[in-house]
Amino acid sequence: MKLFSLILELFFIHYGFCSEKESDKSSTPKPDDFSEDLKVLNESIAKYGAPKNYKQLGFPGPKISLDDEKFLYTNKLEYEESDNYILRVRTVTPHFSYTGVYEQVKMPQTFQQFPEIKGQFAEHFARKSGGFYIRTVGYKVDQNGYQQFFLDLTTAQTTEQDISSPSLKFCGGYTSKSGGVTVYNRVDDRFSGDKIWSRPSGKPTISSTVLITLTGGNALG
């Protein structure tokens, strides 16, 4: 009986505990990174003009949120009886989110006046040296026509690290209603349902995302 208890205890120690070892998967910055950033910045300026201060122009800006806070801002549609409205649509990626579409319309008091229309749109696209570019462009429509403004260009690069060094936390799972077992892939001691000790199904990782604005603004809004 004592031998069985010892074997069972060793089994829990081997399979029940997780280990944490950080192995950086990010690549070391190269001189080509800066030339690529400068090229994209110059192309954006050639297409949309010199960067403008979006706060001075009354635009919300990209408002980039990272990781656990990427749902901080929600989609919004505010509509008034006077036909004024504000529309905001967020673009969400695995590691960050940003304002993809924003538009504000104020209708005039008389038909002789032109409505006040302004907004912004943004896109993210791959950065060859790693991560993404997030580019935000604003616009206004008035009696003088349609005008565009280059508001922001930001790089977002995510670093993922494997966790494999010793830890005192158990990797656990829970029994589902159908009788199957779901295993936590992350180091966590928050369980639901019947606790069991189980080996993780994959290497747990942690990630962090770094933002660098190339236009001198504040990408976080």
Protein backbone atom coordinates (compact mmCIF):
# COMPACT_ATOMS: atom_id res chain seq x y z
CA MET A 1 0.00 0.00 0.00
CA LYS A 2 2.86 2.38 0.86
CA LEU A 3 4.57 1.52 -2.44
CA PHE A 4 1.38 2.28 -4.36
CA SER A 5 1.02 5.65 -2.60
CA LEU A 6 4.61 6.54 -3.44
CA ILE A 7 4.12 5.66 -7.13
CA LEU A 8 0.89 7.66 -7.23
CA GLU A 9 2.60 10.65 -5.63
CA LEU A 10 5.45 10.52 -8.15
CA PHE A 11 2.90 10.34 -10.96
CA PHE A 12 1.24 13.55 -9.75
CA ILE A 13 4.59 15.32 -9.45
CA HIS A 14 5.62 14.33 -12.98
CA TYR A 15 2.35 14.92 -14.80
CA GLY A 16 0.53 17.34 -12.54
CA PHE A 17 3.08 20.10 -12.38
CA CYS A 18 3.93 22.40 -15.23
CA SER A 19 7.30 23.88 -16.04
CA GLU A 20 8.14 27.33 -17.26
CA LYS A 21 11.02 28.15 -19.56
CA GLU A 22 11.02 31.24 -21.66
CA SER A 23 12.36 30.83 -25.19
CA ASP A 24 12.09 34.01 -27.20
CA LYS A 25 10.71 33.43 -30.70
CA SER A 26 11.14 36.99 -31.87
CA SER A 27 13.83 37.86 -34.38
CA THR A 28 16.59 40.39 -33.71
CA PRO A 29 15.93 43.74 -35.43
CA LYS A 30 17.93 44.23 -38.60
CA PRO A 31 18.93 47.38 -40.48
CA ASP A 32 16.47 46.36 -43.20
CA ASP A 33 13.64 46.84 -40.68
CA PHE A 34 14.24 50.59 -40.58
CA SER A 35 14.49 50.91 -44.36
CA GLU A 36 11.20 49.04 -44.74
CA ASP A 37 9.49 51.29 -42.18
CA LEU A 38 10.82 54.38 -43.92
CA LYS A 39 9.63 53.10 -47.29
CA VAL A 40 6.07 52.43 -46.04
CA LEU A 41 6.00 55.81 -44.31
CA ASN A 42 7.13 57.64 -47.46
CA GLU A 43 4.58 55.75 -49.58
CA SER A 44 1.82 56.74 -47.16
CA ILE A 45 2.89 60.39 -47.24
CA ALA A 46 3.01 60.34 -51.04
CA LYS A 47 -0.54 58.98 -51.16
CA TYR A 48 -2.25 60.84 -48.30
CA GLY A 49 0.00 63.81 -47.53
CA ALA A 50 2.07 64.69 -44.47
CA PRO A 51 0.87 63.27 -41.12
CA LYS A 52 -1.68 65.41 -39.29
CA ASN A 53 -2.44 65.70 -35.59
CA TYR A 54 -5.73 63.80 -35.40
CA LYS A 55 -6.62 65.29 -32.00
CA GLN A 56 -6.40 68.83 -33.36
CA LEU A 57 -8.61 67.81 -36.30
CA GLY A 58 -11.17 66.17 -34.01
CA PHE A 59 -10.58 62.53 -35.02
CA PRO A 60 -10.49 59.72 -32.43
CA GLY A 61 -7.34 58.14 -33.90
CA PRO A 62 -6.53 54.40 -34.06
CA LYS A 63 -7.08 53.66 -30.34
CA ILE A 64 -5.08 50.43 -30.47
CA SER A 65 -5.73 48.01 -27.62
CA LEU A 66 -3.51 45.02 -26.84
CA ASP A 67 -4.08 41.42 -25.78
CA ASP A 68 -6.49 41.24 -22.80
CA GLU A 69 -7.70 44.81 -23.43
CA LYS A 70 -8.50 44.40 -27.12
CA PHE A 71 -12.24 44.37 -26.36
CA LEU A 72 -12.01 47.56 -24.29
CA TYR A 73 -13.72 49.57 -27.04
CA THR A 74 -16.88 48.14 -28.57
CA ASN A 75 -18.70 48.75 -31.83
CA LYS A 76 -21.06 51.69 -31.54
CA LEU A 77 -23.91 53.30 -33.45
CA GLU A 78 -25.46 56.43 -31.97
CA TYR A 79 -28.43 57.76 -33.89
CA GLU A 80 -30.40 60.90 -33.12
CA GLU A 81 -33.82 62.04 -34.29
CA SER A 82 -32.21 64.87 -36.23
CA ASP A 83 -30.47 62.25 -38.42
CA ASN A 84 -27.09 62.88 -36.77
CA TYR A 85 -25.14 59.73 -36.11
CA ILE A 86 -21.78 58.34 -34.96
CA LEU A 87 -20.58 54.95 -36.22
CA ARG A 88 -17.57 53.11 -34.81
CA VAL A 89 -16.47 49.63 -35.89
CA ARG A 90 -13.51 47.88 -34.29
CA THR A 91 -11.14 45.52 -36.13
CA VAL A 92 -10.00 42.67 -33.87
CA THR A 93 -6.93 40.46 -34.42
CA PRO A 94 -5.50 37.73 -32.16
CA HIS A 95 -3.16 40.17 -30.36
CA PHE A 96 -4.57 43.67 -30.84
CA SER A 97 -7.58 45.68 -31.99
CA TYR A 98 -8.06 49.14 -33.47
CA THR A 99 -10.75 51.45 -34.82
CA GLY A 100 -11.27 50.21 -38.36
CA VAL A 101 -14.14 52.52 -39.31
CA TYR A 102 -15.37 55.74 -37.72
CA GLU A 103 -17.84 58.24 -39.12
CA GLN A 104 -19.66 61.22 -37.65
CA VAL A 105 -22.43 63.09 -39.45
CA LYS A 106 -24.13 66.29 -38.32
CA MET A 107 -27.07 67.38 -40.43
CA PRO A 108 -27.55 71.12 -41.09
CA GLN A 109 -30.42 73.21 -39.75
CA THR A 110 -31.42 74.34 -43.24
CA PHE A 111 -31.16 72.90 -46.75
CA GLN A 112 -28.87 75.75 -47.71
CA GLN A 113 -26.14 74.36 -45.50
CA PHE A 114 -23.93 71.36 -46.19
CA PRO A 115 -23.86 68.52 -43.62
CA GLU A 116 -20.72 68.06 -41.53
CA ILE A 117 -19.23 64.67 -42.37
CA LYS A 118 -15.94 63.39 -41.05
CA GLY A 119 -14.51 59.98 -40.40
CA GLN A 120 -11.53 57.71 -40.58
CA PHE A 121 -10.66 54.24 -41.84
CA ALA A 122 -7.74 51.99 -40.97
CA GLU A 123 -6.10 48.80 -42.17
CA HIS A 124 -3.36 46.48 -40.99
CA PHE A 125 -0.97 44.71 -43.34
CA ALA A 126 2.08 42.49 -42.98
CA ARG A 127 5.48 43.87 -42.11
CA LYS A 128 8.18 41.80 -43.82
CA SER A 129 10.54 42.08 -40.88
CA GLY A 130 7.84 40.87 -38.49
CA GLY A 131 4.47 42.02 -37.16
CA PHE A 132 2.06 44.40 -38.85
CA TYR A 133 1.60 47.99 -39.91
CA ILE A 134 -1.58 49.76 -38.80
CA ARG A 135 -2.37 52.78 -40.97
CA THR A 136 -5.15 55.25 -40.19
CA VAL A 137 -6.49 57.79 -42.67
CA GLY A 138 -9.09 60.48 -41.93
CA TYR A 139 -11.46 62.33 -44.22
CA LYS A 140 -13.86 65.23 -44.29
CA VAL A 141 -16.67 66.05 -46.70
CA ASP A 142 -17.91 69.62 -46.97
CA GLN A 143 -18.75 72.27 -49.56
CA ASN A 144 -15.14 72.09 -50.73
CA GLY A 145 -15.38 68.39 -51.55
CA TYR A 146 -13.72 65.27 -50.18
CA GLN A 147 -10.43 65.67 -48.30
CA GLN A 148 -8.15 62.97 -46.87
CA PHE A 149 -5.68 63.23 -43.99
CA PHE A 150 -2.83 60.90 -43.06
CA LEU A 151 -3.36 60.40 -39.32
CA ASP A 152 -1.16 57.58 -38.07
CA LEU A 153 1.19 54.74 -38.99
CA THR A 154 2.11 52.29 -36.23
CA THR A 155 4.00 49.00 -36.13
CA ALA A 156 2.72 46.18 -33.94
CA GLN A 157 5.06 43.28 -33.21
CA THR A 158 4.14 40.34 -31.01
CA THR A 159 6.68 38.21 -29.14
CA GLU A 160 5.65 34.71 -28.04
CA GLN A 161 7.55 32.76 -25.39
CA ASP A 162 7.32 29.11 -24.41
CA ILE A 163 6.89 28.37 -20.72
CA SER A 164 8.90 25.37 -19.55
CA SER A 165 10.78 26.16 -16.30
CA PRO A 166 9.68 24.63 -12.94
CA SER A 167 6.50 25.95 -11.42
CA LEU A 168 4.44 25.14 -8.35
CA LYS A 169 1.14 25.49 -10.17
CA PHE A 170 -0.84 22.50 -11.36
CA CYS A 171 -2.00 22.22 -14.95
CA GLY A 172 -5.56 21.05 -14.62
CA GLY A 173 -8.63 20.26 -16.61
CA TYR A 174 -12.27 19.59 -15.98
CA THR A 175 -14.78 16.91 -16.86
CA SER A 176 -17.30 18.11 -19.45
CA LYS A 177 -20.98 17.20 -19.44
CA SER A 178 -20.42 14.62 -22.16
CA GLY A 179 -17.82 12.84 -20.04
CA GLY A 180 -14.80 14.02 -22.03
CA VAL A 181 -11.84 15.85 -20.62
CA THR A 182 -10.66 19.37 -21.55
CA VAL A 183 -7.07 20.15 -20.63
CA TYR A 184 -5.82 23.64 -19.87
CA ASN A 185 -2.95 24.62 -22.12
CA ARG A 186 -2.01 27.62 -19.97
CA VAL A 187 -0.58 27.58 -16.47
CA ASP A 188 -3.63 28.29 -14.39
CA ASP A 189 -5.02 27.18 -11.05
CA ARG A 190 -8.59 28.27 -11.77
CA PHE A 191 -10.69 25.17 -12.37
CA SER A 192 -14.38 24.50 -12.96
CA GLY A 193 -16.25 21.22 -12.57
CA ASP A 194 -14.58 18.11 -11.17
CA LYS A 195 -10.84 18.65 -10.76
CA ILE A 196 -8.49 16.15 -12.31
CA TRP A 197 -4.74 16.20 -12.82
CA SER A 198 -3.81 16.01 -16.45
CA ARG A 199 -0.79 16.63 -18.67
CA PRO A 200 -1.04 19.74 -20.89
CA SER A 201 -1.93 18.98 -24.51
CA GLY A 202 0.57 21.54 -25.88
CA LYS A 203 3.32 23.94 -24.86
CA PRO A 204 1.88 26.91 -22.94
CA THR A 205 2.98 30.31 -24.22
CA ILE A 206 2.82 33.92 -23.15
CA SER A 207 2.82 36.82 -25.57
CA SER A 208 3.49 40.54 -25.52
CA THR A 209 2.90 43.13 -28.23
CA VAL A 210 4.97 46.27 -28.73
CA LEU A 211 3.63 49.32 -30.57
CA ILE A 212 5.87 51.89 -32.26
CA THR A 213 4.30 54.89 -33.97
CA LEU A 214 6.16 56.13 -37.03
CA THR A 215 4.30 59.44 -37.20
CA GLY A 216 4.99 60.77 -33.70
CA GLY A 217 1.44 60.39 -32.41
CA ASN A 218 -0.13 58.29 -29.68
CA ALA A 219 -1.49 55.06 -31.17
CA LEU A 220 -3.33 54.23 -27.94
CA GLY A 221 -5.50 57.32 -28.37
